[in-house]
Amino acid sequence: MCGLLVAGGFMLAGATTAMSADGLENGDFAKGKSRWMGDGQVVYLKPDGTISTTDDSRNSLLPPVASPGTGTTPAGAPAAAQKPGTTPIVEIKLKSTQFADFSQKFRTPKEMDTVNAEVTYKASQDFKMNDKAIVFDREIAWKPGTFWYWSALVHPKSDVLMRLDKRDNYMYKLDAATPGSDWKKMKVRWEDVGGGQDVTFHVLVTPGHGTLYIKSVTITP
């Protein structure tokens, strides 16, 4: 569903954090939280689906295989193999009364007038919105799955949303999280973004309790 474009807008304050001149960077968190700001910490997804605060695969080796019946490693046995790798992801703990905010400032490439944004995420089993939080703008009745172009900074009642802050307006995409589900993708195509602009991309998570995990963020023309 296409949102409403309201005439006018609010000028964003000048940024104080260095921006990337080449679009969004480190969307797979291979460099930890480099370029990212706000709530959230890097944790590690293991091959078995469990999550650890440390990257066990960086310094853990599988032992060489011993000869059957001897318990000893034969001469010339191959070196110890690396354990299956972990995947860096971001863990965002919900706040009780405010939105959790994970963001990155960057400059859109000159040829980027359209933005395709995609966030791969999952919600913990105990994920739950605090629907009584006063931070929600009650007059904004947007539904999950919709996207909007708006002249004002607002806080719609949504489990998780993407927001792109521009000089002259704000772009939103809302989604409903499913507690305990597998990874899902939140996608949006925003038109008329404008190339060569300083923007800030946000992932915002509802007030409440529980955790949201982000596996990747991509932004392409």
C-alpha atoms as a PDB file:
ATOM      1  CA  MET A   1       0.000   0.000   0.000  1.00  0.00           C
ATOM      2  CA  CYS A   2       1.310   3.392  -0.885  1.00  0.00           C
ATOM      3  CA  GLY A   3       1.334   6.012   1.823  1.00  0.00           C
ATOM      4  CA  LEU A   4       0.259   9.611   1.846  1.00  0.00           C
ATOM      5  CA  LEU A   5       2.671  12.387   0.868  1.00  0.00           C
ATOM      6  CA  VAL A   6       2.045  15.524   2.874  1.00  0.00           C
ATOM      7  CA  ALA A   7       3.250  18.866   1.548  1.00  0.00           C
ATOM      8  CA  GLY A   8       5.883  20.692   3.516  1.00  0.00           C
ATOM      9  CA  GLY A   9       8.348  19.201   5.929  1.00  0.00           C
ATOM     10  CA  PHE A  10      10.884  19.733   8.634  1.00  0.00           C
ATOM     11  CA  MET A  11      14.593  20.332   8.094  1.00  0.00           C
ATOM     12  CA  LEU A  12      16.827  17.788   9.785  1.00  0.00           C
ATOM     13  CA  ALA A  13      19.487  19.065  12.140  1.00  0.00           C
ATOM     14  CA  GLY A  14      23.070  18.858  10.915  1.00  0.00           C
ATOM     15  CA  ALA A  15      24.673  15.489  11.526  1.00  0.00           C
ATOM     16  CA  THR A  16      27.544  15.227  13.964  1.00  0.00           C
ATOM     17  CA  THR A  17      28.612  11.692  13.012  1.00  0.00           C
ATOM     18  CA  ALA A  18      30.715  10.965   9.942  1.00  0.00           C
ATOM     19  CA  MET A  19      28.642   9.635   7.069  1.00  0.00           C
ATOM     20  CA  SER A  20      29.491   7.037   4.488  1.00  0.00           C
ATOM     21  CA  ALA A  21      29.673   8.525   1.006  1.00  0.00           C
ATOM     22  CA  ASP A  22      28.964   5.160  -0.642  1.00  0.00           C
ATOM     23  CA  GLY A  23      25.591   4.171   0.747  1.00  0.00           C
ATOM     24  CA  LEU A  24      24.890   1.923   3.702  1.00  0.00           C
ATOM     25  CA  GLU A  25      27.886  -0.089   4.942  1.00  0.00           C
ATOM     26  CA  ASN A  26      28.429  -3.172   7.101  1.00  0.00           C
ATOM     27  CA  GLY A  27      24.905  -4.452   6.645  1.00  0.00           C
ATOM     28  CA  ASP A  28      26.049  -7.994   7.485  1.00  0.00           C
ATOM     29  CA  PHE A  29      27.797  -6.867  10.718  1.00  0.00           C
ATOM     30  CA  ALA A  30      31.051  -8.526   9.657  1.00  0.00           C
ATOM     31  CA  LYS A  31      32.802  -5.488  11.173  1.00  0.00           C
ATOM     32  CA  GLY A  32      30.759  -5.532  14.362  1.00  0.00           C
ATOM     33  CA  LYS A  33      28.820  -2.313  14.932  1.00  0.00           C
ATOM     34  CA  SER A  34      31.120  -0.247  12.705  1.00  0.00           C
ATOM     35  CA  ARG A  35      29.094   2.594  11.060  1.00  0.00           C
ATOM     36  CA  TRP A  36      26.030   1.770  13.194  1.00  0.00           C
ATOM     37  CA  MET A  37      24.709   3.810  16.117  1.00  0.00           C
ATOM     38  CA  GLY A  38      22.197   3.428  18.904  1.00  0.00           C
ATOM     39  CA  ASP A  39      20.723   0.423  20.638  1.00  0.00           C
ATOM     40  CA  GLY A  40      21.860  -3.090  19.924  1.00  0.00           C
ATOM     41  CA  GLN A  41      24.948  -5.203  20.412  1.00  0.00           C
ATOM     42  CA  VAL A  42      26.657  -7.758  18.198  1.00  0.00           C
ATOM     43  CA  VAL A  43      26.157 -11.404  19.180  1.00  0.00           C
ATOM     44  CA  TYR A  44      26.859 -14.610  17.270  1.00  0.00           C
ATOM     45  CA  LEU A  45      24.482 -17.079  15.671  1.00  0.00           C
ATOM     46  CA  LYS A  46      25.836 -20.634  15.848  1.00  0.00           C
ATOM     47  CA  PRO A  47      25.180 -23.285  13.177  1.00  0.00           C
ATOM     48  CA  ASP A  48      22.783 -25.050  15.566  1.00  0.00           C
ATOM     49  CA  GLY A  49      20.645 -21.895  15.848  1.00  0.00           C
ATOM     50  CA  THR A  50      21.714 -20.913  19.347  1.00  0.00           C
ATOM     51  CA  ILE A  51      23.100 -17.454  20.088  1.00  0.00           C
ATOM     52  CA  SER A  52      26.297 -16.610  21.970  1.00  0.00           C
ATOM     53  CA  THR A  53      27.832 -13.354  23.138  1.00  0.00           C
ATOM     54  CA  THR A  54      31.256 -14.587  21.992  1.00  0.00           C
ATOM     55  CA  ASP A  55      32.518 -15.799  18.636  1.00  0.00           C
ATOM     56  CA  ASP A  56      33.613 -19.326  19.576  1.00  0.00           C
ATOM     57  CA  SER A  57      34.742 -20.187  16.052  1.00  0.00           C
ATOM     58  CA  ARG A  58      37.572 -17.616  16.068  1.00  0.00           C
ATOM     59  CA  ASN A  59      39.824 -19.541  18.421  1.00  0.00           C
ATOM     60  CA  SER A  60      38.287 -23.016  18.741  1.00  0.00           C
ATOM     61  CA  LEU A  61      39.647 -25.908  16.708  1.00  0.00           C
ATOM     62  CA  LEU A  62      38.352 -29.419  16.343  1.00  0.00           C
ATOM     63  CA  PRO A  63      40.975 -31.957  17.536  1.00  0.00           C
ATOM     64  CA  PRO A  64      42.663 -34.247  14.985  1.00  0.00           C
ATOM     65  CA  VAL A  65      40.983 -37.615  14.543  1.00  0.00           C
ATOM     66  CA  ALA A  66      42.670 -40.450  16.448  1.00  0.00           C
ATOM     67  CA  SER A  67      43.333 -43.849  14.869  1.00  0.00           C
ATOM     68  CA  PRO A  68      40.562 -46.361  15.648  1.00  0.00           C
ATOM     69  CA  GLY A  69      41.374 -48.522  18.647  1.00  0.00           C
ATOM     70  CA  THR A  70      44.587 -46.668  19.513  1.00  0.00           C
ATOM     71  CA  GLY A  71      43.425 -43.359  20.937  1.00  0.00           C
ATOM     72  CA  THR A  72      46.477 -41.748  19.375  1.00  0.00           C
ATOM     73  CA  THR A  73      46.859 -39.443  16.406  1.00  0.00           C
ATOM     74  CA  PRO A  74      48.913 -41.018  13.624  1.00  0.00           C
ATOM     75  CA  ALA A  75      51.953 -39.264  12.205  1.00  0.00           C
ATOM     76  CA  GLY A  76      51.064 -37.065   9.290  1.00  0.00           C
ATOM     77  CA  ALA A  77      47.478 -36.572  10.420  1.00  0.00           C
ATOM     78  CA  PRO A  78      45.887 -33.389   9.063  1.00  0.00           C
ATOM     79  CA  ALA A  79      45.946 -30.317  11.271  1.00  0.00           C
ATOM     80  CA  ALA A  80      42.979 -29.548  13.474  1.00  0.00           C
ATOM     81  CA  ALA A  81      40.006 -28.215  11.547  1.00  0.00           C
ATOM     82  CA  GLN A  82      38.212 -24.977  12.305  1.00  0.00           C
ATOM     83  CA  LYS A  83      34.840 -25.348  13.991  1.00  0.00           C
ATOM     84  CA  PRO A  84      31.850 -24.372  11.839  1.00  0.00           C
ATOM     85  CA  GLY A  85      31.666 -20.607  11.705  1.00  0.00           C
ATOM     86  CA  THR A  86      29.253 -18.362  13.532  1.00  0.00           C
ATOM     87  CA  THR A  87      27.340 -15.477  11.978  1.00  0.00           C
ATOM     88  CA  PRO A  88      27.457 -12.005  13.548  1.00  0.00           C
ATOM     89  CA  ILE A  89      23.984 -10.580  14.171  1.00  0.00           C
ATOM     90  CA  VAL A  90      22.619  -7.677  16.197  1.00  0.00           C
ATOM     91  CA  GLU A  91      20.596  -8.153  19.379  1.00  0.00           C
ATOM     92  CA  ILE A  92      18.228  -5.339  20.371  1.00  0.00           C
ATOM     93  CA  LYS A  93      16.654  -5.480  23.817  1.00  0.00           C
ATOM     94  CA  LEU A  94      13.254  -3.806  23.960  1.00  0.00           C
ATOM     95  CA  LYS A  95      12.784  -0.811  26.237  1.00  0.00           C
ATOM     96  CA  SER A  96       9.719  -0.617  28.449  1.00  0.00           C
ATOM     97  CA  THR A  97       8.416   2.823  27.433  1.00  0.00           C
ATOM     98  CA  GLN A  98      10.499   4.014  24.444  1.00  0.00           C
ATOM     99  CA  PHE A  99      11.358   2.746  20.986  1.00  0.00           C
ATOM    100  CA  ALA A 100      14.746   1.046  20.652  1.00  0.00           C
ATOM    101  CA  ASP A 101      16.594   2.698  17.757  1.00  0.00           C
ATOM    102  CA  PHE A 102      19.390   1.209  15.618  1.00  0.00           C
ATOM    103  CA  SER A 103      20.600   3.503  12.833  1.00  0.00           C
ATOM    104  CA  GLN A 104      23.225   4.474  10.281  1.00  0.00           C
ATOM    105  CA  LYS A 105      23.937   7.782   8.550  1.00  0.00           C
ATOM    106  CA  PHE A 106      25.070   7.701   4.930  1.00  0.00           C
ATOM    107  CA  ARG A 107      24.955   9.621   1.675  1.00  0.00           C
ATOM    108  CA  THR A 108      22.888   8.177  -1.136  1.00  0.00           C
ATOM    109  CA  PRO A 109      24.830   7.590  -4.352  1.00  0.00           C
ATOM    110  CA  LYS A 110      24.073  10.176  -7.028  1.00  0.00           C
ATOM    111  CA  GLU A 111      22.273   7.611  -9.177  1.00  0.00           C
ATOM    112  CA  MET A 112      20.096   6.333  -6.306  1.00  0.00           C
ATOM    113  CA  ASP A 113      16.660   7.920  -6.655  1.00  0.00           C
ATOM    114  CA  THR A 114      14.829   4.754  -5.590  1.00  0.00           C
ATOM    115  CA  VAL A 115      15.696   2.790  -2.449  1.00  0.00           C
ATOM    116  CA  ASN A 116      15.009  -0.901  -1.930  1.00  0.00           C
ATOM    117  CA  ALA A 117      15.494  -1.608   1.770  1.00  0.00           C
ATOM    118  CA  GLU A 118      15.421  -5.060   3.343  1.00  0.00           C
ATOM    119  CA  VAL A 119      15.896  -6.118   6.975  1.00  0.00           C
ATOM    120  CA  THR A 120      16.138  -9.789   7.952  1.00  0.00           C
ATOM    121  CA  TYR A 121      15.040 -10.215  11.564  1.00  0.00           C
ATOM    122  CA  LYS A 122      13.373 -12.449  14.124  1.00  0.00           C
ATOM    123  CA  ALA A 123      11.631 -11.840  17.457  1.00  0.00           C
ATOM    124  CA  SER A 124      12.270 -13.761  20.659  1.00  0.00           C
ATOM    125  CA  GLN A 125       9.602 -16.020  22.129  1.00  0.00           C
ATOM    126  CA  ASP A 126       8.840 -13.453  24.844  1.00  0.00           C
ATOM    127  CA  PHE A 127       8.588 -10.476  22.453  1.00  0.00           C
ATOM    128  CA  LYS A 128       5.599  -8.345  23.477  1.00  0.00           C
ATOM    129  CA  MET A 129       4.572  -4.766  22.770  1.00  0.00           C
ATOM    130  CA  ASN A 130       3.730  -2.432  25.629  1.00  0.00           C
ATOM    131  CA  ASP A 131       0.591  -1.088  23.979  1.00  0.00           C
ATOM    132  CA  LYS A 132       0.049   1.388  26.808  1.00  0.00           C
ATOM    133  CA  ALA A 133       3.309   3.258  26.154  1.00  0.00           C
ATOM    134  CA  ILE A 134       2.608   6.964  25.769  1.00  0.00           C
ATOM    135  CA  VAL A 135       5.277   7.385  23.079  1.00  0.00           C
ATOM    136  CA  PHE A 136       2.851   6.152  20.380  1.00  0.00           C
ATOM    137  CA  ASP A 137       1.164   8.846  18.285  1.00  0.00           C
ATOM    138  CA  ARG A 138      -2.423   7.706  18.761  1.00  0.00           C
ATOM    139  CA  GLU A 139      -3.731   9.719  15.816  1.00  0.00           C
ATOM    140  CA  ILE A 140      -1.465   7.709  13.468  1.00  0.00           C
ATOM    141  CA  ALA A 141      -3.441   4.568  12.597  1.00  0.00           C
ATOM    142  CA  TRP A 142      -1.055   2.956  10.125  1.00  0.00           C
ATOM    143  CA  LYS A 143      -1.198  -0.833   9.799  1.00  0.00           C
ATOM    144  CA  PRO A 144       1.598  -3.434   9.568  1.00  0.00           C
ATOM    145  CA  GLY A 145       2.750  -4.008   6.009  1.00  0.00           C
ATOM    146  CA  THR A 146       2.087  -0.432   4.873  1.00  0.00           C
ATOM    147  CA  PHE A 147       4.640   2.193   3.911  1.00  0.00           C
ATOM    148  CA  TRP A 148       4.346   5.956   4.135  1.00  0.00           C
ATOM    149  CA  TYR A 149       5.920   9.252   3.103  1.00  0.00           C
ATOM    150  CA  TRP A 150       5.316  11.833   5.813  1.00  0.00           C
ATOM    151  CA  SER A 151       6.345  15.401   6.581  1.00  0.00           C
ATOM    152  CA  ALA A 152       6.632  14.849  10.335  1.00  0.00           C
ATOM    153  CA  LEU A 153       8.558  12.598  12.680  1.00  0.00           C
ATOM    154  CA  VAL A 154       5.947  10.286  14.240  1.00  0.00           C
ATOM    155  CA  HIS A 155       5.890   7.082  16.279  1.00  0.00           C
ATOM    156  CA  PRO A 156       3.256   4.713  14.885  1.00  0.00           C
ATOM    157  CA  LYS A 157       2.066   1.732  16.889  1.00  0.00           C
ATOM    158  CA  SER A 158       4.093  -1.024  15.265  1.00  0.00           C
ATOM    159  CA  ASP A 159       6.218  -3.965  16.434  1.00  0.00           C
ATOM    160  CA  VAL A 160       9.093  -3.022  14.170  1.00  0.00           C
ATOM    161  CA  LEU A 161       9.576  -0.420  11.457  1.00  0.00           C
ATOM    162  CA  MET A 162      12.112   1.052   9.088  1.00  0.00           C
ATOM    163  CA  ARG A 163      12.439   4.819   8.742  1.00  0.00           C
ATOM    164  CA  LEU A 164      14.517   6.893   6.332  1.00  0.00           C
ATOM    165  CA  ASP A 165      15.138  10.484   7.452  1.00  0.00           C
ATOM    166  CA  LYS A 166      15.690  12.988   4.628  1.00  0.00           C
ATOM    167  CA  ARG A 167      16.034  16.758   4.492  1.00  0.00           C
ATOM    168  CA  ASP A 168      12.411  17.300   3.559  1.00  0.00           C
ATOM    169  CA  ASN A 169      10.444  14.276   4.769  1.00  0.00           C
ATOM    170  CA  TYR A 170      10.438  10.898   6.475  1.00  0.00           C
ATOM    171  CA  MET A 171       9.782   7.511   4.876  1.00  0.00           C
ATOM    172  CA  TYR A 172       8.282   4.646   6.909  1.00  0.00           C
ATOM    173  CA  LYS A 173       7.701   0.920   6.546  1.00  0.00           C
ATOM    174  CA  LEU A 174       5.799  -1.001   9.266  1.00  0.00           C
ATOM    175  CA  ASP A 175       5.839  -4.709  10.056  1.00  0.00           C
ATOM    176  CA  ALA A 176       4.354  -7.131  12.591  1.00  0.00           C
ATOM    177  CA  ALA A 177       6.777  -9.383  14.454  1.00  0.00           C
ATOM    178  CA  THR A 178       5.854 -12.991  15.261  1.00  0.00           C
ATOM    179  CA  PRO A 179       7.271 -14.060  18.645  1.00  0.00           C
ATOM    180  CA  GLY A 180       9.464 -17.141  18.400  1.00  0.00           C
ATOM    181  CA  SER A 181       9.273 -17.339  14.612  1.00  0.00           C
ATOM    182  CA  ASP A 182      12.070 -18.070  12.179  1.00  0.00           C
ATOM    183  CA  TRP A 183      13.891 -15.319  10.277  1.00  0.00           C
ATOM    184  CA  LYS A 184      11.641 -13.086   8.184  1.00  0.00           C
ATOM    185  CA  LYS A 185      12.271 -10.248   5.745  1.00  0.00           C
ATOM    186  CA  MET A 186      10.810  -6.748   5.988  1.00  0.00           C
ATOM    187  CA  LYS A 187      11.036  -5.087   2.578  1.00  0.00           C
ATOM    188  CA  VAL A 188      10.110  -1.740   1.075  1.00  0.00           C
ATOM    189  CA  ARG A 189      10.667   0.212  -2.143  1.00  0.00           C
ATOM    190  CA  TRP A 190      10.728   3.968  -1.559  1.00  0.00           C
ATOM    191  CA  GLU A 191      10.539   6.238  -4.612  1.00  0.00           C
ATOM    192  CA  ASP A 192      11.944   9.744  -5.144  1.00  0.00           C
ATOM    193  CA  VAL A 193      14.545   9.459  -2.416  1.00  0.00           C
ATOM    194  CA  GLY A 194      17.013  11.636  -4.295  1.00  0.00           C
ATOM    195  CA  GLY A 195      20.648  10.892  -5.050  1.00  0.00           C
ATOM    196  CA  GLY A 196      23.528  12.606  -3.300  1.00  0.00           C
ATOM    197  CA  GLN A 197      21.571  13.265  -0.092  1.00  0.00           C
ATOM    198  CA  ASP A 198      22.617  12.847   3.517  1.00  0.00           C
ATOM    199  CA  VAL A 199      20.098  10.495   5.129  1.00  0.00           C
ATOM    200  CA  THR A 200      19.708   8.372   8.242  1.00  0.00           C
ATOM    201  CA  PHE A 201      18.277   4.863   8.093  1.00  0.00           C
ATOM    202  CA  HIS A 202      16.637   3.517  11.265  1.00  0.00           C
ATOM    203  CA  VAL A 203      15.337   0.188  12.490  1.00  0.00           C
ATOM    204  CA  LEU A 204      12.947   0.979  15.346  1.00  0.00           C
ATOM    205  CA  VAL A 205      11.517  -1.592  17.760  1.00  0.00           C
ATOM    206  CA  THR A 206       8.374  -1.104  19.821  1.00  0.00           C
ATOM    207  CA  PRO A 207       8.359  -0.382  23.551  1.00  0.00           C
ATOM    208  CA  GLY A 208       7.797  -3.630  25.450  1.00  0.00           C
ATOM    209  CA  HIS A 209       9.890  -6.577  26.538  1.00  0.00           C
ATOM    210  CA  GLY A 210      11.810  -9.291  24.769  1.00  0.00           C
ATOM    211  CA  THR A 211      14.449  -9.137  22.061  1.00  0.00           C
ATOM    212  CA  LEU A 212      14.673  -8.474  18.338  1.00  0.00           C
ATOM    213  CA  TYR A 213      17.556  -9.986  16.361  1.00  0.00           C
ATOM    214  CA  ILE A 214      18.746  -8.485  13.071  1.00  0.00           C
ATOM    215  CA  LYS A 215      20.654 -10.745  10.690  1.00  0.00           C
ATOM    216  CA  SER A 216      21.235  -8.306   7.850  1.00  0.00           C
ATOM    217  CA  VAL A 217      20.305  -4.935   6.385  1.00  0.00           C
ATOM    218  CA  THR A 218      20.556  -4.149   2.678  1.00  0.00           C
ATOM    219  CA  ILE A 219      19.825  -0.963   0.758  1.00  0.00           C
ATOM    220  CA  THR A 220      20.067  -0.999  -3.028  1.00  0.00           C
ATOM    221  CA  PRO A 221      18.866   1.210  -5.911  1.00  0.00           C
END
